[in-house]
N, C-alpha and C. Protein backbone atom coordinates (compact mmCIF):
# COMPACT_ATOMS: atom_id res chain seq x y z
N HIS A 1 -5.19 18.91 -29.40
CA HIS A 1 -6.16 17.97 -28.89
C HIS A 1 -6.42 18.23 -27.42
N ASP A 2 -7.65 18.03 -27.02
CA ASP A 2 -8.00 18.15 -25.61
C ASP A 2 -7.63 16.88 -24.87
N LEU A 3 -7.34 17.03 -23.61
CA LEU A 3 -7.03 15.90 -22.75
C LEU A 3 -7.76 16.11 -21.44
N GLU A 4 -8.42 15.06 -20.96
CA GLU A 4 -9.09 15.13 -19.67
C GLU A 4 -8.38 14.23 -18.69
N VAL A 5 -8.04 14.77 -17.54
CA VAL A 5 -7.40 14.03 -16.47
C VAL A 5 -8.26 14.23 -15.24
N CYS A 6 -8.58 13.15 -14.57
CA CYS A 6 -9.41 13.25 -13.37
C CYS A 6 -8.52 13.22 -12.13
N GLU A 7 -8.73 14.18 -11.28
CA GLU A 7 -7.97 14.30 -10.05
C GLU A 7 -8.89 14.95 -9.02
N PRO A 8 -9.01 14.38 -7.84
CA PRO A 8 -9.86 15.02 -6.83
C PRO A 8 -9.32 16.40 -6.46
N VAL A 9 -10.21 17.37 -6.40
CA VAL A 9 -9.84 18.72 -5.97
C VAL A 9 -10.88 19.23 -4.99
N ALA A 10 -10.47 20.13 -4.13
CA ALA A 10 -11.38 20.71 -3.14
C ALA A 10 -12.35 21.66 -3.83
N ASP A 11 -13.57 21.74 -3.30
CA ASP A 11 -14.52 22.73 -3.81
C ASP A 11 -13.90 24.11 -3.73
N GLY A 12 -14.16 24.92 -4.73
CA GLY A 12 -13.63 26.28 -4.74
C GLY A 12 -12.22 26.41 -5.29
N THR A 13 -11.64 25.30 -5.75
CA THR A 13 -10.29 25.35 -6.32
C THR A 13 -10.30 26.22 -7.56
N LYS A 14 -9.33 27.11 -7.66
CA LYS A 14 -9.19 28.00 -8.82
C LYS A 14 -8.37 27.31 -9.89
N THR A 15 -8.69 27.58 -11.15
CA THR A 15 -7.95 26.97 -12.26
C THR A 15 -6.88 27.92 -12.77
N GLN A 16 -5.93 27.35 -13.48
CA GLN A 16 -4.90 28.15 -14.14
C GLN A 16 -5.32 28.35 -15.58
N SER A 17 -4.68 29.26 -16.25
CA SER A 17 -4.99 29.56 -17.64
C SER A 17 -4.95 28.28 -18.49
N GLY A 18 -6.00 28.06 -19.26
CA GLY A 18 -6.05 26.91 -20.15
C GLY A 18 -6.61 25.65 -19.52
N LEU A 19 -6.90 25.70 -18.22
CA LEU A 19 -7.44 24.54 -17.52
C LEU A 19 -8.86 24.83 -17.05
N SER A 20 -9.65 23.78 -16.93
CA SER A 20 -11.00 23.93 -16.38
C SER A 20 -11.28 22.75 -15.47
N ILE A 21 -12.23 22.93 -14.57
CA ILE A 21 -12.63 21.87 -13.65
C ILE A 21 -14.05 21.46 -14.00
N THR A 22 -14.26 20.16 -14.13
CA THR A 22 -15.57 19.61 -14.42
C THR A 22 -15.87 18.52 -13.40
N ARG A 23 -17.07 18.51 -12.87
CA ARG A 23 -17.48 17.47 -11.94
C ARG A 23 -18.04 16.30 -12.74
N LEU A 24 -17.49 15.10 -12.49
CA LEU A 24 -18.03 13.91 -13.16
C LEU A 24 -19.39 13.58 -12.57
N PRO A 25 -20.37 13.31 -13.40
CA PRO A 25 -21.70 13.00 -12.88
C PRO A 25 -21.74 11.61 -12.25
N ALA A 26 -22.54 11.47 -11.22
CA ALA A 26 -22.80 10.15 -10.65
C ALA A 26 -23.63 9.37 -11.66
N VAL A 27 -23.46 8.07 -11.68
CA VAL A 27 -24.24 7.22 -12.57
C VAL A 27 -24.89 6.12 -11.74
N PRO A 28 -26.11 5.70 -12.11
CA PRO A 28 -26.80 4.67 -11.33
C PRO A 28 -26.15 3.30 -11.38
N GLU A 29 -25.60 2.92 -12.56
CA GLU A 29 -24.96 1.61 -12.70
C GLU A 29 -23.64 1.76 -13.44
N MET A 30 -22.62 1.10 -12.90
CA MET A 30 -21.31 1.15 -13.51
C MET A 30 -20.78 -0.27 -13.61
N ALA A 31 -20.37 -0.68 -14.80
CA ALA A 31 -19.69 -1.96 -14.96
C ALA A 31 -18.21 -1.68 -14.79
N SER A 32 -17.54 -2.52 -14.00
CA SER A 32 -16.12 -2.27 -13.79
C SER A 32 -15.35 -3.58 -13.71
N MET A 33 -14.05 -3.46 -13.88
CA MET A 33 -13.15 -4.60 -13.84
C MET A 33 -11.79 -4.10 -13.39
N ILE A 34 -11.11 -4.90 -12.58
CA ILE A 34 -9.76 -4.56 -12.14
C ILE A 34 -8.77 -5.31 -13.04
N HIS A 35 -7.88 -4.57 -13.64
CA HIS A 35 -6.81 -5.14 -14.47
C HIS A 35 -5.54 -5.22 -13.63
N HIS A 36 -4.95 -6.42 -13.57
CA HIS A 36 -3.67 -6.63 -12.92
C HIS A 36 -2.69 -7.06 -13.99
N GLY A 37 -1.61 -6.33 -14.16
CA GLY A 37 -0.61 -6.73 -15.14
C GLY A 37 -0.07 -5.54 -15.90
N ALA A 38 0.78 -5.83 -16.84
CA ALA A 38 1.45 -4.80 -17.62
C ALA A 38 0.44 -3.93 -18.38
N PHE A 39 0.80 -2.66 -18.53
CA PHE A 39 -0.06 -1.71 -19.24
C PHE A 39 -0.30 -2.18 -20.67
N ASN A 40 0.71 -2.80 -21.27
CA ASN A 40 0.55 -3.21 -22.67
C ASN A 40 -0.38 -4.42 -22.83
N THR A 41 -0.97 -4.92 -21.73
CA THR A 41 -1.98 -5.98 -21.82
C THR A 41 -3.38 -5.47 -21.44
N LEU A 42 -3.49 -4.17 -21.24
CA LEU A 42 -4.76 -3.56 -20.81
C LEU A 42 -5.88 -3.78 -21.83
N THR A 43 -5.56 -3.80 -23.11
CA THR A 43 -6.61 -3.98 -24.13
C THR A 43 -7.31 -5.33 -23.98
N GLY A 44 -6.61 -6.35 -23.49
CA GLY A 44 -7.24 -7.65 -23.26
C GLY A 44 -8.31 -7.56 -22.18
N SER A 45 -8.05 -6.79 -21.13
CA SER A 45 -9.05 -6.61 -20.08
C SER A 45 -10.24 -5.80 -20.59
N TYR A 46 -9.98 -4.79 -21.40
CA TYR A 46 -11.08 -4.04 -22.01
C TYR A 46 -11.96 -4.99 -22.83
N GLN A 47 -11.34 -5.86 -23.60
CA GLN A 47 -12.11 -6.77 -24.45
C GLN A 47 -12.96 -7.71 -23.61
N LYS A 48 -12.40 -8.22 -22.50
CA LYS A 48 -13.17 -9.10 -21.62
C LYS A 48 -14.39 -8.38 -21.05
N LEU A 49 -14.20 -7.13 -20.63
CA LEU A 49 -15.31 -6.37 -20.07
C LEU A 49 -16.35 -6.08 -21.15
N LEU A 50 -15.91 -5.69 -22.33
CA LEU A 50 -16.86 -5.42 -23.42
C LEU A 50 -17.62 -6.68 -23.82
N ASN A 51 -16.95 -7.82 -23.84
CA ASN A 51 -17.63 -9.08 -24.14
C ASN A 51 -18.69 -9.39 -23.07
N TRP A 52 -18.35 -9.17 -21.80
CA TRP A 52 -19.29 -9.42 -20.71
C TRP A 52 -20.52 -8.53 -20.86
N LEU A 53 -20.30 -7.25 -21.19
CA LEU A 53 -21.42 -6.33 -21.38
C LEU A 53 -22.35 -6.83 -22.48
N GLU A 54 -21.78 -7.26 -23.60
CA GLU A 54 -22.59 -7.75 -24.72
C GLU A 54 -23.35 -9.02 -24.33
N GLU A 55 -22.66 -9.96 -23.70
CA GLU A 55 -23.29 -11.23 -23.30
C GLU A 55 -24.42 -11.02 -22.29
N ASN A 56 -24.32 -9.99 -21.47
CA ASN A 56 -25.32 -9.73 -20.44
C ASN A 56 -26.27 -8.59 -20.79
N LYS A 57 -26.23 -8.20 -22.08
CA LYS A 57 -27.17 -7.24 -22.65
C LYS A 57 -27.15 -5.87 -21.94
N TYR A 58 -25.94 -5.36 -21.75
CA TYR A 58 -25.77 -4.00 -21.23
C TYR A 58 -25.26 -3.11 -22.34
N GLN A 59 -25.65 -1.83 -22.28
CA GLN A 59 -25.17 -0.83 -23.22
C GLN A 59 -24.37 0.22 -22.45
N ILE A 60 -23.30 0.68 -23.06
CA ILE A 60 -22.53 1.78 -22.49
C ILE A 60 -23.25 3.07 -22.86
N TYR A 61 -23.46 3.97 -21.90
CA TYR A 61 -24.17 5.21 -22.22
C TYR A 61 -23.42 6.47 -21.80
N GLY A 62 -22.13 6.39 -21.65
CA GLY A 62 -21.33 7.56 -21.31
C GLY A 62 -19.86 7.23 -21.42
N PRO A 63 -19.01 8.22 -21.18
CA PRO A 63 -17.57 7.97 -21.32
C PRO A 63 -17.05 7.01 -20.26
N GLY A 64 -16.11 6.17 -20.68
CA GLY A 64 -15.46 5.26 -19.76
C GLY A 64 -14.46 5.99 -18.88
N ARG A 65 -14.04 5.30 -17.83
CA ARG A 65 -13.08 5.87 -16.89
C ARG A 65 -12.02 4.83 -16.57
N GLU A 66 -10.82 5.28 -16.35
CA GLU A 66 -9.74 4.41 -15.87
C GLU A 66 -9.24 5.00 -14.56
N ILE A 67 -9.18 4.17 -13.55
CA ILE A 67 -8.65 4.61 -12.25
C ILE A 67 -7.33 3.88 -12.05
N TYR A 68 -6.25 4.64 -12.02
CA TYR A 68 -4.92 4.08 -11.85
C TYR A 68 -4.67 3.85 -10.37
N ILE A 69 -4.62 2.59 -9.97
CA ILE A 69 -4.55 2.25 -8.56
C ILE A 69 -3.11 2.16 -8.08
N SER A 70 -2.25 1.43 -8.79
CA SER A 70 -0.86 1.35 -8.34
C SER A 70 0.06 0.76 -9.39
N THR A 71 1.33 1.05 -9.20
CA THR A 71 2.42 0.39 -9.91
C THR A 71 3.51 0.17 -8.86
N SER A 72 4.43 -0.71 -9.14
CA SER A 72 5.48 -0.98 -8.16
C SER A 72 6.40 0.22 -7.99
N THR A 73 6.56 1.02 -9.04
CA THR A 73 7.50 2.14 -9.00
C THR A 73 6.80 3.49 -8.85
N GLY A 74 5.49 3.51 -9.02
CA GLY A 74 4.78 4.78 -9.03
C GLY A 74 4.82 5.45 -10.39
N ILE A 75 5.53 4.87 -11.32
CA ILE A 75 5.64 5.38 -12.69
C ILE A 75 5.09 4.32 -13.62
N VAL A 76 4.19 4.73 -14.51
CA VAL A 76 3.60 3.77 -15.45
C VAL A 76 4.61 3.44 -16.54
N ARG A 77 4.95 2.16 -16.64
CA ARG A 77 5.79 1.65 -17.71
C ARG A 77 5.00 0.58 -18.44
N GLN A 78 5.14 0.50 -19.74
CA GLN A 78 4.37 -0.44 -20.56
C GLN A 78 4.49 -1.88 -20.07
N ASP A 79 5.67 -2.27 -19.55
CA ASP A 79 5.92 -3.66 -19.20
C ASP A 79 5.91 -3.94 -17.70
N ASP A 80 5.46 -3.00 -16.88
CA ASP A 80 5.44 -3.17 -15.42
C ASP A 80 4.34 -4.16 -15.06
N PRO A 81 4.69 -5.37 -14.58
CA PRO A 81 3.67 -6.38 -14.29
C PRO A 81 2.86 -6.10 -13.03
N SER A 82 3.24 -5.10 -12.25
CA SER A 82 2.51 -4.79 -11.01
C SER A 82 1.43 -3.74 -11.22
N TYR A 83 1.21 -3.33 -12.45
CA TYR A 83 0.24 -2.30 -12.78
C TYR A 83 -1.17 -2.75 -12.40
N VAL A 84 -1.95 -1.87 -11.74
CA VAL A 84 -3.33 -2.16 -11.35
C VAL A 84 -4.19 -0.96 -11.76
N VAL A 85 -5.22 -1.23 -12.55
CA VAL A 85 -6.12 -0.17 -13.01
C VAL A 85 -7.55 -0.70 -12.98
N GLU A 86 -8.49 0.16 -12.57
CA GLU A 86 -9.91 -0.18 -12.64
C GLU A 86 -10.49 0.45 -13.89
N ILE A 87 -11.12 -0.37 -14.70
CA ILE A 87 -11.80 0.09 -15.93
C ILE A 87 -13.28 0.20 -15.59
N GLN A 88 -13.90 1.33 -15.94
CA GLN A 88 -15.32 1.54 -15.62
C GLN A 88 -16.07 2.06 -16.85
N PHE A 89 -17.31 1.60 -17.00
CA PHE A 89 -18.22 2.13 -18.00
C PHE A 89 -19.59 2.33 -17.38
N PRO A 90 -20.22 3.50 -17.55
CA PRO A 90 -21.61 3.63 -17.14
C PRO A 90 -22.47 2.80 -18.08
N VAL A 91 -23.39 2.03 -17.52
CA VAL A 91 -24.18 1.09 -18.32
C VAL A 91 -25.66 1.16 -17.99
N LYS A 92 -26.44 0.65 -18.92
CA LYS A 92 -27.86 0.41 -18.70
C LYS A 92 -28.23 -0.87 -19.42
N LYS A 93 -29.24 -1.57 -18.91
CA LYS A 93 -29.70 -2.81 -19.49
C LYS A 93 -30.36 -2.53 -20.83
N SER A 94 -30.05 -3.35 -21.84
CA SER A 94 -30.65 -3.19 -23.18
C SER A 94 -32.12 -3.52 -23.16
């Protein structure tokens, strides 16, 4: 299976065998939400954001993104209550 991980890199960075670099496209509108709490409660925040999109007549038109902002230990644990992540979806009005 393929896996995509986003990490800022300098222009001209060379890749290693089996890796590639892709630039994420800018989008005109992004719906986002900050999740505070354990990783195992992240699906609740996704559901809130998806409900908001539906109620406000927005459509998702590209892949979502998760930005991992912080944890108390620097290591993601399912039950770490200090976990902070930004959930993003590119959107357009229906």
